[in-house]
Amino acid sequence: MGKNGNMIKPEITINTIKRNIQECYKKAVNVKLNLGRNKFVTFPATLSGIYSSIFTVEPADKNFLGKTAYSYSEILCGKVFITLDEKGA
């Protein structure tokens, strides 16, 4: 807490992220992963599953060996970015 006892309220919450992810369900998306040290991996995928604490994506490349389930907190922390694929939509 700060000096005045007030906490800074984040603009984006887990519930906001969940609603945004639900709007992308079964749609083509681009997934961008922050691997640290300015390294990023971007791949096209389809949002295939939505659960209470995680969501899953199905990569367009069937040979993709990376992780395909992510928590909503990973978006909040900036480790995962999901955007709608305008070409695939």
N, C-alpha and C. Protein backbone atom coordinates (compact mmCIF):
# COMPACT_ATOMS: atom_id res chain seq x y z
N MET A 1 0.84 -1.19 0.00
CA MET A 1 0.00 0.00 0.00
C MET A 1 0.88 1.24 0.00
N GLY A 2 0.34 2.30 -0.58
CA GLY A 2 1.06 3.56 -0.65
C GLY A 2 1.01 4.30 0.68
N LYS A 3 1.59 5.49 0.69
CA LYS A 3 1.65 6.28 1.92
C LYS A 3 0.27 6.66 2.44
N ASN A 4 -0.65 6.94 1.52
CA ASN A 4 -1.98 7.37 1.93
C ASN A 4 -2.94 6.21 2.17
N GLY A 5 -2.47 4.98 2.06
CA GLY A 5 -3.30 3.82 2.34
C GLY A 5 -4.14 3.36 1.16
N ASN A 6 -4.06 4.05 0.03
CA ASN A 6 -4.82 3.65 -1.15
C ASN A 6 -3.96 2.82 -2.08
N MET A 7 -4.55 1.79 -2.62
CA MET A 7 -3.84 0.97 -3.60
C MET A 7 -4.18 1.47 -4.99
N ILE A 8 -3.27 1.30 -5.91
CA ILE A 8 -3.54 1.67 -7.29
C ILE A 8 -4.41 0.59 -7.90
N LYS A 9 -5.52 0.99 -8.49
CA LYS A 9 -6.43 0.03 -9.10
C LYS A 9 -6.02 -0.22 -10.54
N PRO A 10 -5.84 -1.47 -10.91
CA PRO A 10 -5.47 -1.75 -12.31
C PRO A 10 -6.64 -1.46 -13.23
N GLU A 11 -6.33 -1.05 -14.46
CA GLU A 11 -7.37 -0.77 -15.44
C GLU A 11 -7.98 -2.06 -15.96
N ILE A 12 -7.16 -3.11 -16.04
CA ILE A 12 -7.62 -4.39 -16.56
C ILE A 12 -7.64 -5.41 -15.42
N THR A 13 -8.73 -6.15 -15.33
CA THR A 13 -8.85 -7.17 -14.29
C THR A 13 -8.96 -8.55 -14.94
N ILE A 14 -8.84 -9.57 -14.14
CA ILE A 14 -8.99 -10.94 -14.63
C ILE A 14 -10.37 -11.14 -15.25
N ASN A 15 -11.41 -10.56 -14.65
CA ASN A 15 -12.76 -10.71 -15.20
C ASN A 15 -12.88 -10.04 -16.57
N THR A 16 -12.24 -8.90 -16.76
CA THR A 16 -12.23 -8.24 -18.06
C THR A 16 -11.53 -9.11 -19.10
N ILE A 17 -10.41 -9.70 -18.70
CA ILE A 17 -9.67 -10.58 -19.60
C ILE A 17 -10.52 -11.79 -19.98
N LYS A 18 -11.21 -12.38 -19.00
CA LYS A 18 -12.06 -13.54 -19.28
C LYS A 18 -13.16 -13.20 -20.28
N ARG A 19 -13.78 -12.02 -20.12
CA ARG A 19 -14.82 -11.60 -21.07
C ARG A 19 -14.26 -11.42 -22.47
N ASN A 20 -13.07 -10.81 -22.57
CA ASN A 20 -12.45 -10.60 -23.87
C ASN A 20 -12.08 -11.92 -24.53
N ILE A 21 -11.59 -12.87 -23.76
CA ILE A 21 -11.24 -14.18 -24.29
C ILE A 21 -12.50 -14.91 -24.76
N GLN A 22 -13.60 -14.80 -24.02
CA GLN A 22 -14.85 -15.46 -24.41
C GLN A 22 -15.37 -14.93 -25.74
N GLU A 23 -15.11 -13.66 -26.04
CA GLU A 23 -15.54 -13.08 -27.31
C GLU A 23 -14.74 -13.67 -28.48
N CYS A 24 -13.57 -14.21 -28.21
CA CYS A 24 -12.71 -14.76 -29.26
C CYS A 24 -12.87 -16.27 -29.41
N TYR A 25 -13.77 -16.88 -28.66
CA TYR A 25 -13.93 -18.34 -28.66
C TYR A 25 -14.24 -18.87 -30.07
N LYS A 26 -13.50 -19.88 -30.49
CA LYS A 26 -13.63 -20.54 -31.80
C LYS A 26 -13.29 -19.62 -32.97
N LYS A 27 -12.56 -18.55 -32.71
CA LYS A 27 -12.14 -17.64 -33.76
C LYS A 27 -10.64 -17.73 -33.97
N ALA A 28 -10.18 -17.31 -35.14
CA ALA A 28 -8.75 -17.28 -35.44
C ALA A 28 -8.11 -16.12 -34.68
N VAL A 29 -7.01 -16.42 -34.00
CA VAL A 29 -6.30 -15.42 -33.22
C VAL A 29 -4.80 -15.52 -33.52
N ASN A 30 -4.09 -14.47 -33.16
CA ASN A 30 -2.63 -14.49 -33.17
C ASN A 30 -2.18 -14.50 -31.72
N VAL A 31 -1.29 -15.41 -31.39
CA VAL A 31 -0.77 -15.54 -30.03
C VAL A 31 0.67 -15.07 -30.05
N LYS A 32 0.99 -14.14 -29.16
CA LYS A 32 2.35 -13.63 -29.03
C LYS A 32 2.81 -13.94 -27.61
N LEU A 33 3.89 -14.69 -27.49
CA LEU A 33 4.43 -15.09 -26.19
C LEU A 33 5.70 -14.31 -25.89
N ASN A 34 5.78 -13.78 -24.69
CA ASN A 34 6.97 -13.08 -24.22
C ASN A 34 7.84 -14.11 -23.51
N LEU A 35 8.98 -14.45 -24.12
CA LEU A 35 9.88 -15.46 -23.55
C LEU A 35 10.95 -14.84 -22.66
N GLY A 36 10.92 -13.54 -22.50
CA GLY A 36 11.91 -12.85 -21.68
C GLY A 36 13.11 -12.42 -22.50
N ARG A 37 13.87 -11.48 -21.97
CA ARG A 37 15.07 -10.96 -22.63
C ARG A 37 14.78 -10.51 -24.07
N ASN A 38 13.67 -9.85 -24.25
CA ASN A 38 13.26 -9.32 -25.56
C ASN A 38 13.08 -10.40 -26.62
N LYS A 39 12.70 -11.60 -26.21
CA LYS A 39 12.43 -12.68 -27.16
C LYS A 39 10.93 -12.93 -27.19
N PHE A 40 10.39 -12.97 -28.40
CA PHE A 40 8.97 -13.20 -28.59
C PHE A 40 8.75 -14.29 -29.63
N VAL A 41 7.67 -15.05 -29.45
CA VAL A 41 7.25 -16.04 -30.44
C VAL A 41 5.81 -15.70 -30.79
N THR A 42 5.50 -15.61 -32.08
CA THR A 42 4.16 -15.32 -32.53
C THR A 42 3.70 -16.44 -33.46
N PHE A 43 2.46 -16.91 -33.25
CA PHE A 43 1.91 -17.95 -34.12
C PHE A 43 0.40 -17.81 -34.24
N PRO A 44 -0.15 -18.20 -35.40
CA PRO A 44 -1.61 -18.18 -35.58
C PRO A 44 -2.22 -19.40 -34.91
N ALA A 45 -3.42 -19.22 -34.37
CA ALA A 45 -4.09 -20.31 -33.67
C ALA A 45 -5.59 -20.06 -33.64
N THR A 46 -6.32 -21.03 -33.11
CA THR A 46 -7.74 -20.91 -32.87
C THR A 46 -7.98 -21.11 -31.39
N LEU A 47 -8.76 -20.23 -30.79
CA LEU A 47 -9.08 -20.37 -29.37
C LEU A 47 -10.04 -21.55 -29.22
N SER A 48 -9.56 -22.65 -28.64
CA SER A 48 -10.32 -23.89 -28.67
C SER A 48 -11.03 -24.26 -27.37
N GLY A 49 -10.64 -23.70 -26.26
CA GLY A 49 -11.29 -24.06 -25.01
C GLY A 49 -11.21 -22.95 -23.98
N ILE A 50 -12.29 -22.77 -23.24
CA ILE A 50 -12.33 -21.76 -22.19
C ILE A 50 -12.76 -22.45 -20.90
N TYR A 51 -11.95 -22.31 -19.87
CA TYR A 51 -12.22 -22.92 -18.58
C TYR A 51 -12.12 -21.86 -17.50
N SER A 52 -12.41 -22.22 -16.26
CA SER A 52 -12.47 -21.22 -15.19
C SER A 52 -11.13 -20.54 -14.91
N SER A 53 -10.02 -21.27 -15.03
CA SER A 53 -8.74 -20.65 -14.71
C SER A 53 -7.75 -20.64 -15.88
N ILE A 54 -8.07 -21.34 -16.96
CA ILE A 54 -7.17 -21.36 -18.13
C ILE A 54 -7.99 -21.30 -19.41
N PHE A 55 -7.29 -21.07 -20.53
CA PHE A 55 -7.89 -21.20 -21.85
C PHE A 55 -6.88 -21.91 -22.72
N THR A 56 -7.36 -22.59 -23.76
CA THR A 56 -6.47 -23.34 -24.64
C THR A 56 -6.56 -22.80 -26.06
N VAL A 57 -5.46 -22.92 -26.77
CA VAL A 57 -5.42 -22.53 -28.17
C VAL A 57 -4.91 -23.71 -28.98
N GLU A 58 -5.42 -23.81 -30.19
CA GLU A 58 -4.97 -24.86 -31.11
C GLU A 58 -4.17 -24.19 -32.22
N PRO A 59 -2.84 -24.39 -32.23
CA PRO A 59 -2.00 -23.75 -33.25
C PRO A 59 -2.40 -24.18 -34.66
N ALA A 60 -2.28 -23.27 -35.61
CA ALA A 60 -2.58 -23.59 -37.01
C ALA A 60 -1.56 -24.59 -37.54
N ASP A 61 -0.32 -24.49 -37.07
CA ASP A 61 0.73 -25.43 -37.47
C ASP A 61 0.64 -26.66 -36.58
N LYS A 62 0.29 -27.79 -37.14
CA LYS A 62 0.12 -29.02 -36.35
C LYS A 62 1.43 -29.52 -35.76
N ASN A 63 2.56 -29.05 -36.25
CA ASN A 63 3.87 -29.47 -35.75
C ASN A 63 4.39 -28.55 -34.63
N PHE A 64 3.59 -27.58 -34.23
CA PHE A 64 4.00 -26.66 -33.17
C PHE A 64 4.16 -27.43 -31.86
N LEU A 65 5.31 -27.29 -31.22
CA LEU A 65 5.59 -28.06 -30.01
C LEU A 65 5.48 -27.24 -28.73
N GLY A 66 5.03 -26.01 -28.83
CA GLY A 66 4.97 -25.14 -27.66
C GLY A 66 3.75 -25.39 -26.79
N LYS A 67 3.69 -24.66 -25.71
CA LYS A 67 2.59 -24.74 -24.76
C LYS A 67 1.32 -24.20 -25.39
N THR A 68 0.19 -24.85 -25.16
CA THR A 68 -1.05 -24.40 -25.78
C THR A 68 -2.16 -24.12 -24.76
N ALA A 69 -1.85 -24.12 -23.48
CA ALA A 69 -2.82 -23.75 -22.45
C ALA A 69 -2.21 -22.61 -21.64
N TYR A 70 -3.00 -21.57 -21.40
CA TYR A 70 -2.50 -20.39 -20.72
C TYR A 70 -3.49 -19.95 -19.67
N SER A 71 -2.98 -19.32 -18.61
CA SER A 71 -3.87 -18.79 -17.58
C SER A 71 -4.18 -17.33 -17.91
N TYR A 72 -5.27 -16.86 -17.36
CA TYR A 72 -5.67 -15.47 -17.59
C TYR A 72 -4.66 -14.51 -16.95
N SER A 73 -4.02 -14.95 -15.89
CA SER A 73 -3.03 -14.09 -15.23
C SER A 73 -1.79 -13.88 -16.10
N GLU A 74 -1.50 -14.82 -17.02
CA GLU A 74 -0.37 -14.63 -17.92
C GLU A 74 -0.62 -13.46 -18.87
N ILE A 75 -1.87 -13.22 -19.22
CA ILE A 75 -2.21 -12.04 -20.03
C ILE A 75 -2.06 -10.79 -19.18
N LEU A 76 -2.55 -10.85 -17.95
CA LEU A 76 -2.48 -9.71 -17.04
C LEU A 76 -1.03 -9.30 -16.78
N CYS A 77 -0.14 -10.27 -16.68
CA CYS A 77 1.29 -10.01 -16.40
C CYS A 77 2.08 -9.64 -17.66
N GLY A 78 1.49 -9.80 -18.84
CA GLY A 78 2.18 -9.44 -20.07
C GLY A 78 3.03 -10.55 -20.65
N LYS A 79 2.81 -11.79 -20.24
CA LYS A 79 3.57 -12.90 -20.81
C LYS A 79 2.92 -13.43 -22.08
N VAL A 80 1.60 -13.22 -22.22
CA VAL A 80 0.85 -13.71 -23.38
C VAL A 80 -0.01 -12.57 -23.91
N PHE A 81 -0.04 -12.43 -25.24
CA PHE A 81 -0.89 -11.44 -25.90
C PHE A 81 -1.75 -12.18 -26.92
N ILE A 82 -3.05 -11.95 -26.90
CA ILE A 82 -3.98 -12.57 -27.83
C ILE A 82 -4.66 -11.46 -28.62
N THR A 83 -4.61 -11.56 -29.96
CA THR A 83 -5.31 -10.62 -30.81
C THR A 83 -6.09 -11.38 -31.86
N LEU A 84 -7.23 -10.85 -32.24
CA LEU A 84 -8.03 -11.47 -33.29
C LEU A 84 -7.28 -11.38 -34.61
N ASP A 85 -7.31 -12.45 -35.37
CA ASP A 85 -6.68 -12.47 -36.69
C ASP A 85 -7.70 -11.95 -37.69
N GLU A 86 -7.47 -10.73 -38.18
CA GLU A 86 -8.41 -10.09 -39.10
C GLU A 86 -8.55 -10.86 -40.41
N LYS A 87 -7.48 -11.51 -40.85
CA LYS A 87 -7.53 -12.28 -42.10
C LYS A 87 -8.32 -13.55 -41.94
N GLY A 88 -8.19 -14.18 -40.75
CA GLY A 88 -8.85 -15.46 -40.52
C GLY A 88 -10.27 -15.33 -40.02
N ALA A 89 -10.67 -14.12 -39.63
CA ALA A 89 -12.01 -13.92 -39.07
C ALA A 89 -13.06 -13.80 -40.16
